[in-house]
């Protein structure tokens, strides 16, 4: 159906409707979409063909100690 349309005619996947993409408020430049797909496929192909991956190994560290006390409220002489 999209091939038969002309100009800005396309499919709105969010609503399931066909129509003028500009009137429906959908602005998606083809160059941006193409570039994003190329970048994603490039990274995916690198991940598939890479024979090794580098990742951090989680270390088990004991919990840190507590803070020392603050010594109470000073400077209030003569209260007792």
Protein backbone atom coordinates (compact mmCIF):
# COMPACT_ATOMS: atom_id res chain seq x y z
CA UNK A 1 0.00 0.00 0.00
CA UNK A 2 2.89 2.38 0.77
CA UNK A 3 4.47 1.73 -2.64
CA UNK A 4 1.22 2.76 -4.33
CA UNK A 5 1.13 6.04 -2.41
CA UNK A 6 3.03 9.13 -3.46
CA UNK A 7 4.85 11.96 -1.75
CA UNK A 8 4.74 11.74 2.04
CA UNK A 9 2.34 8.77 2.13
CA UNK A 10 3.36 6.12 4.64
CA UNK A 11 2.40 3.84 7.52
CA UNK A 12 2.09 5.03 11.13
CA UNK A 13 3.13 2.00 13.21
CA UNK A 14 1.95 3.64 16.46
CA UNK A 15 -1.69 3.92 15.32
CA UNK A 16 -1.79 1.35 12.50
CA UNK A 17 -3.01 3.95 9.98
CA UNK A 18 -1.86 4.89 6.49
CA UNK A 19 -1.73 8.52 5.44
CA UNK A 20 0.34 11.63 4.89
CA UNK A 21 3.24 11.35 7.32
CA UNK A 22 3.69 15.12 7.61
CA UNK A 23 0.01 15.66 8.46
CA UNK A 24 0.23 12.92 11.11
CA UNK A 25 3.23 14.72 12.64
CA UNK A 26 5.81 12.08 11.75
CA UNK A 27 9.11 13.55 10.63
CA UNK A 28 11.76 10.88 10.16
CA UNK A 29 14.46 11.81 7.66
CA UNK A 30 15.55 8.79 5.63
CA UNK A 31 19.23 9.69 6.02
CA UNK A 32 19.02 9.54 9.83
CA UNK A 33 17.20 6.21 9.77
CA UNK A 34 19.63 4.74 7.25
CA UNK A 35 22.64 5.92 9.26
CA UNK A 36 21.25 4.43 12.48
CA UNK A 37 20.59 1.08 10.82
CA UNK A 38 24.06 1.04 9.27
CA UNK A 39 25.72 1.79 12.61
CA UNK A 40 23.67 -0.86 14.42
CA UNK A 41 24.38 -3.53 11.81
CA UNK A 42 28.09 -2.65 11.82
CA UNK A 43 28.33 -3.11 15.58
CA UNK A 44 26.28 -6.31 15.45
CA UNK A 45 28.58 -7.78 12.80
CA UNK A 46 31.63 -6.88 14.89
CA UNK A 47 30.12 -8.61 17.92
CA UNK A 48 29.37 -11.74 15.90
CA UNK A 49 32.81 -12.01 14.31
CA UNK A 50 34.85 -11.10 17.40
CA UNK A 51 36.55 -14.14 18.93
CA UNK A 52 37.08 -12.56 22.35
CA UNK A 53 35.30 -10.08 24.56
CA UNK A 54 36.74 -7.97 27.37
CA UNK A 55 34.62 -7.53 30.48
CA UNK A 56 35.23 -6.57 34.10
CA UNK A 57 35.21 -9.36 36.67
CA UNK A 58 33.12 -8.55 39.72
CA UNK A 59 35.13 -8.46 42.96
CA UNK A 60 33.70 -9.47 46.33
CA UNK A 61 34.76 -6.76 48.77
CA UNK A 62 33.79 -6.69 52.47
CA UNK A 63 31.56 -3.88 53.64
CA UNK A 64 33.27 -0.74 54.88
CA UNK A 65 33.45 0.08 58.59
CA UNK A 66 31.10 2.46 60.36
CA UNK A 67 31.86 6.10 61.13
CA UNK A 68 33.21 7.00 64.61
CA UNK A 69 30.91 8.89 66.96
CA UNK A 70 30.88 12.69 66.95
CA UNK A 71 31.53 13.14 70.70
CA UNK A 72 28.10 14.42 71.72
CA UNK A 73 26.95 18.03 72.04
CA UNK A 74 29.76 20.26 73.26
CA UNK A 75 29.76 23.90 74.35
CA UNK A 76 26.76 23.73 76.63
CA UNK A 77 28.49 24.05 80.01
CA UNK A 78 26.53 24.85 83.18
CA UNK A 79 23.40 23.06 82.07
CA UNK A 80 23.52 20.56 84.94
